[in-house]
N, C-alpha and C. Protein backbone atom coordinates (compact mmCIF):
# COMPACT_ATOMS: atom_id res chain seq x y z
N UNK A 1 33.30 -26.39 -1.02
CA UNK A 1 33.03 -25.38 -0.22
C UNK A 1 32.12 -23.67 -0.60
N UNK A 2 33.02 -23.77 -1.88
CA UNK A 2 32.44 -22.39 -2.18
C UNK A 2 31.21 -22.63 -3.42
N UNK A 3 31.12 -23.89 -3.76
CA UNK A 3 30.22 -24.00 -4.64
C UNK A 3 28.93 -23.81 -3.89
N UNK A 4 29.29 -24.40 -2.27
CA UNK A 4 27.93 -24.36 -1.67
C UNK A 4 27.33 -23.11 -0.92
N UNK A 5 28.49 -22.00 -1.18
CA UNK A 5 28.42 -20.96 -0.64
C UNK A 5 27.47 -20.02 -1.79
N UNK A 6 27.99 -20.50 -2.87
CA UNK A 6 27.81 -19.67 -4.18
C UNK A 6 26.14 -20.06 -4.18
N UNK A 7 25.83 -21.51 -4.07
CA UNK A 7 24.43 -21.91 -4.05
C UNK A 7 23.40 -21.12 -2.84
N UNK A 8 23.77 -21.30 -1.68
CA UNK A 8 23.42 -20.75 -1.07
C UNK A 8 22.95 -18.95 -1.37
N UNK A 9 24.04 -18.20 -2.12
CA UNK A 9 23.54 -16.85 -2.11
C UNK A 9 22.83 -16.52 -3.35
N UNK A 10 22.85 -17.92 -4.15
CA UNK A 10 21.61 -17.79 -5.45
C UNK A 10 20.36 -17.91 -4.60
N UNK A 11 20.60 -18.85 -4.08
CA UNK A 11 18.88 -19.12 -3.19
C UNK A 11 18.57 -17.89 -2.62
N UNK A 12 19.24 -17.72 -1.79
CA UNK A 12 18.56 -16.11 -0.87
C UNK A 12 18.68 -15.29 -1.89
N UNK A 13 18.71 -14.93 -2.89
CA UNK A 13 18.91 -13.90 -3.79
C UNK A 13 17.54 -14.43 -4.64
N UNK A 14 17.45 -15.30 -4.74
CA UNK A 14 16.17 -15.37 -5.79
C UNK A 14 14.49 -15.34 -4.37
N UNK A 15 14.95 -15.30 -3.63
CA UNK A 15 13.78 -15.64 -2.78
C UNK A 15 13.25 -14.10 -2.25
N UNK A 16 14.04 -12.97 -2.81
CA UNK A 16 14.32 -12.10 -2.29
C UNK A 16 13.18 -11.40 -2.57
N UNK A 17 12.03 -10.69 -1.94
CA UNK A 17 10.76 -10.05 -2.09
C UNK A 17 10.81 -9.09 -3.28
N UNK A 18 10.19 -8.19 -4.06
CA UNK A 18 9.87 -7.85 -5.05
C UNK A 18 10.24 -6.27 -3.83
N UNK A 19 10.25 -4.91 -4.88
CA UNK A 19 10.17 -3.73 -4.51
C UNK A 19 8.57 -3.74 -4.29
N UNK A 20 8.86 -2.47 -2.97
CA UNK A 20 7.11 -2.38 -2.83
C UNK A 20 6.84 -1.18 -3.71
N UNK A 21 5.34 -1.41 -4.28
CA UNK A 21 4.79 -0.81 -5.38
C UNK A 21 4.68 0.10 -5.10
N UNK A 22 4.56 1.23 -5.58
CA UNK A 22 4.32 2.99 -5.23
C UNK A 22 2.48 3.00 -5.46
N UNK A 23 1.69 3.61 -5.08
CA UNK A 23 0.19 3.75 -5.80
C UNK A 23 0.19 5.23 -7.12
N UNK A 24 0.39 5.17 -7.80
CA UNK A 24 0.27 6.26 -9.06
C UNK A 24 -1.35 6.68 -9.00
N UNK A 25 -1.33 7.70 -8.17
CA UNK A 25 -2.71 8.71 -8.42
C UNK A 25 -2.95 9.65 -9.80
N UNK A 26 -1.58 9.21 -10.79
CA UNK A 26 -2.12 10.31 -11.58
C UNK A 26 -2.94 9.98 -12.40
N UNK A 27 -3.51 9.16 -12.45
CA UNK A 27 -5.31 9.09 -13.01
C UNK A 27 -5.79 7.65 -12.69
N UNK A 28 -7.37 7.89 -12.35
CA UNK A 28 -8.17 6.89 -11.96
C UNK A 28 -8.09 5.56 -12.47
N UNK A 29 -7.47 4.94 -13.76
CA UNK A 29 -7.00 3.54 -14.14
C UNK A 29 -5.88 3.17 -13.76
N UNK A 30 -5.21 4.28 -13.61
CA UNK A 30 -3.84 3.74 -12.79
C UNK A 30 -3.50 3.45 -11.39
N UNK A 31 -4.58 4.41 -10.65
CA UNK A 31 -4.75 4.39 -9.11
C UNK A 31 -5.30 2.85 -8.60
N UNK A 32 -6.30 2.34 -9.29
CA UNK A 32 -6.73 1.23 -9.64
C UNK A 32 -5.88 -0.01 -9.64
N UNK A 33 -4.95 0.28 -10.84
CA UNK A 33 -3.97 -0.81 -10.87
C UNK A 33 -2.93 -1.24 -10.35
N UNK A 34 -2.22 -0.09 -9.55
CA UNK A 34 -1.49 0.32 -8.79
C UNK A 34 -1.52 -0.19 -7.48
N UNK A 35 -2.98 0.46 -6.90
CA UNK A 35 -3.34 -0.03 -5.28
C UNK A 35 -3.38 -1.37 -5.62
N UNK A 36 -4.08 -2.58 -6.76
CA UNK A 36 -4.28 -3.79 -6.83
C UNK A 36 -2.87 -4.31 -6.09
N UNK A 37 -1.98 -3.69 -7.00
CA UNK A 37 -0.90 -4.32 -7.33
C UNK A 37 -0.13 -4.07 -5.74
N UNK A 38 -0.17 -3.25 -5.44
CA UNK A 38 0.16 -3.15 -3.99
C UNK A 38 -0.49 -3.64 -2.64
N UNK A 39 -1.45 -3.76 -2.90
CA UNK A 39 -2.57 -4.22 -2.17
C UNK A 39 -2.17 -5.78 -1.96
N UNK A 40 -1.49 -6.60 -3.26
CA UNK A 40 -1.14 -8.22 -3.26
C UNK A 40 -0.11 -7.66 -2.28
N UNK A 41 0.34 -7.15 -2.00
CA UNK A 41 2.11 -7.51 -1.02
C UNK A 41 1.92 -7.20 0.08
N UNK A 42 0.79 -7.02 0.55
CA UNK A 42 0.58 -6.61 2.07
C UNK A 42 0.14 -8.43 2.57
N UNK A 43 0.25 -8.53 3.86
CA UNK A 43 0.06 -10.17 4.55
C UNK A 43 -1.70 -9.96 4.40
N UNK A 44 -2.26 -10.61 4.95
CA UNK A 44 -3.65 -11.10 4.63
C UNK A 44 -4.00 -10.35 5.69
N UNK A 45 -3.62 -10.10 7.01
CA UNK A 45 -4.49 -9.04 8.05
C UNK A 45 -4.55 -7.92 7.88
N UNK A 46 -3.45 -6.66 6.66
CA UNK A 46 -3.36 -5.61 6.67
C UNK A 46 -4.38 -5.21 5.57
N UNK A 47 -4.87 -6.55 4.63
CA UNK A 47 -5.24 -6.18 3.54
C UNK A 47 -6.91 -5.19 4.04
N UNK A 48 -7.76 -5.76 4.74
CA UNK A 48 -9.03 -4.87 5.39
C UNK A 48 -9.07 -3.78 5.88
N UNK A 49 -7.25 -3.39 6.46
CA UNK A 49 -7.05 -2.22 6.77
C UNK A 49 -6.67 -1.21 5.64
N UNK A 50 -5.79 -1.35 4.40
CA UNK A 50 -5.37 -1.15 3.56
C UNK A 50 -7.01 -0.63 2.71
N UNK A 51 -8.00 -1.44 2.51
CA UNK A 51 -8.97 -1.52 1.68
C UNK A 51 -10.40 -0.10 2.63
N UNK A 52 -10.19 0.19 3.88
CA UNK A 52 -10.72 0.41 4.78
C UNK A 52 -9.92 2.28 4.50
N UNK A 53 -8.69 2.05 4.80
CA UNK A 53 -8.20 3.54 4.08
C UNK A 53 -9.27 4.09 2.95
N UNK A 54 -8.67 3.29 1.50
CA UNK A 54 -8.82 3.75 0.81
C UNK A 54 -10.48 3.66 0.76
N UNK A 55 -11.49 3.35 1.30
CA UNK A 55 -12.78 3.30 0.85
C UNK A 55 -13.36 4.26 1.79
N UNK A 56 -12.58 4.59 3.04
CA UNK A 56 -13.15 5.56 3.71
C UNK A 56 -12.32 7.53 3.82
N UNK A 57 -11.36 7.73 2.95
CA UNK A 57 -10.86 8.63 2.74
C UNK A 57 -11.68 9.82 2.51
N UNK A 58 -12.70 9.71 1.92
CA UNK A 58 -13.78 10.80 1.79
C UNK A 58 -14.29 11.61 3.00
N UNK A 59 -14.51 10.52 4.14
CA UNK A 59 -14.79 10.52 5.41
C UNK A 59 -14.14 11.73 6.11
N UNK A 60 -12.98 11.52 5.94
CA UNK A 60 -11.73 12.29 6.68
C UNK A 60 -11.63 13.87 6.43
N UNK A 61 -12.71 14.37 5.03
CA UNK A 61 -12.87 15.80 4.95
C UNK A 61 -14.09 15.67 4.23
N UNK A 62 -15.41 16.31 5.30
CA UNK A 62 -16.19 16.17 5.03
C UNK A 62 -16.68 17.07 3.52
N UNK A 63 -16.29 17.70 3.35
CA UNK A 63 -16.84 19.03 2.36
C UNK A 63 -16.15 18.16 0.89
N UNK A 64 -15.19 17.40 0.64
CA UNK A 64 -14.76 17.30 -0.22
C UNK A 64 -15.88 16.03 -1.18
N UNK A 65 -16.23 16.99 -2.56
CA UNK A 65 -16.81 16.42 -3.37
C UNK A 65 -16.64 14.85 -4.33
N UNK A 66 -15.34 14.66 -4.26
CA UNK A 66 -14.91 13.63 -5.07
C UNK A 66 -14.17 13.05 -4.11
N UNK A 67 -14.39 11.87 -3.59
CA UNK A 67 -13.48 10.87 -2.80
C UNK A 67 -12.83 10.41 -3.18
N UNK A 68 -12.91 9.76 -4.87
CA UNK A 68 -11.77 8.97 -5.45
C UNK A 68 -10.56 10.06 -5.72
N UNK A 69 -10.80 11.15 -6.07
CA UNK A 69 -10.00 12.23 -6.46
C UNK A 69 -9.24 12.35 -5.55
N UNK A 70 -9.94 12.50 -4.28
CA UNK A 70 -8.86 12.59 -3.07
C UNK A 70 -8.41 11.78 -2.86
N UNK A 71 -8.73 10.37 -2.71
CA UNK A 71 -7.41 9.26 -2.69
C UNK A 71 -6.48 9.15 -3.61
N UNK A 72 -6.66 9.29 -4.83
CA UNK A 72 -5.65 9.95 -5.90
C UNK A 72 -4.46 10.45 -5.16
N UNK A 73 -5.13 11.48 -4.99
CA UNK A 73 -3.95 12.42 -4.33
C UNK A 73 -3.41 12.17 -3.12
N UNK A 74 -4.81 11.59 -1.82
CA UNK A 74 -3.65 11.60 -0.60
C UNK A 74 -2.68 10.10 -0.99
N UNK A 75 -2.81 9.16 -1.66
CA UNK A 75 -1.94 8.34 -1.54
C UNK A 75 -1.24 8.22 -2.70
N UNK A 76 -1.07 9.36 -3.17
CA UNK A 76 -0.31 8.77 -4.36
C UNK A 76 1.41 8.90 -4.26
N UNK A 77 2.04 7.55 -4.21
CA UNK A 77 3.32 8.12 -4.40
C UNK A 77 3.67 7.30 -2.92
N UNK A 78 2.55 6.46 -2.03
CA UNK A 78 2.80 5.87 -0.84
C UNK A 78 2.65 4.58 -1.35
N UNK A 79 3.39 3.71 -0.22
CA UNK A 79 3.02 2.25 -0.56
C UNK A 79 2.03 1.60 0.13
N UNK A 80 1.60 0.11 0.12
CA UNK A 80 0.57 -0.36 0.82
C UNK A 80 0.95 -0.41 1.80
N UNK A 81 1.96 -0.40 2.50
CA UNK A 81 2.08 -0.30 3.94
C UNK A 81 2.50 1.04 4.55
N UNK A 82 2.46 1.96 3.51
CA UNK A 82 2.49 3.37 4.24
C UNK A 82 0.74 3.70 4.24
N UNK A 83 0.23 2.90 3.51
CA UNK A 83 -1.14 3.51 3.54
C UNK A 83 -1.65 2.96 4.76
N UNK A 84 -1.35 1.38 5.28
CA UNK A 84 -1.81 1.14 6.10
C UNK A 84 -1.19 1.74 7.25
N UNK A 85 0.32 2.34 7.81
CA UNK A 85 0.13 2.65 8.78
C UNK A 85 -0.23 4.23 9.22
N UNK A 86 -0.68 4.68 7.62
CA UNK A 86 -1.43 6.15 7.98
C UNK A 86 -2.73 6.06 8.25
N UNK A 87 -3.27 4.55 8.03
CA UNK A 87 -4.69 4.27 8.51
C UNK A 87 -4.65 3.72 10.01
N UNK A 88 -3.84 3.01 10.28
CA UNK A 88 -3.67 2.80 11.92
C UNK A 88 -3.77 4.27 12.83
N UNK A 89 -3.01 5.33 12.32
CA UNK A 89 -2.28 6.35 12.94
C UNK A 89 -4.00 7.00 13.18
N UNK A 90 -4.87 7.02 12.06
CA UNK A 90 -6.03 7.34 12.23
C UNK A 90 -7.08 7.00 12.75
N UNK A 91 -6.62 5.67 13.27
CA UNK A 91 -7.96 5.22 13.78
C UNK A 91 -7.53 5.45 15.40
N UNK A 92 -6.19 5.48 15.65
CA UNK A 92 -5.92 5.62 16.67
C UNK A 92 -5.65 7.01 17.18
N UNK A 93 -5.76 7.59 16.26
CA UNK A 93 -6.19 9.22 16.77
C UNK A 93 -7.41 9.20 17.54
N UNK A 94 -7.97 8.97 16.08
CA UNK A 94 -9.87 8.68 16.49
C UNK A 94 -10.12 8.31 17.89
N UNK A 95 -9.61 7.25 18.12
CA UNK A 95 -9.65 6.81 20.08
C UNK A 95 -9.70 7.31 20.88
N UNK A 96 -8.55 8.69 20.49
CA UNK A 96 -7.91 9.63 21.80
C UNK A 96 -9.07 10.92 21.85
């Protein structure tokens, strides 16, 4: 019986998901690499929302001359799930 319990515990441990990837905004290259890694951790349904958040950040501040730099600053140290939640809140706010 102990062997079955140990095997079950081992199986569950091997199925544990990876810790969420944090987006690194320290450089454009790091941002592109980590945002792609973070995006892969999302369910398919949230990937479009994630993409929209990354693409449209410049539109949130009309005076921003460098939207890529703004995205790096805004999303630095966020997970993909946090980016999606932020975008949902932003879109919900726009509807009100």
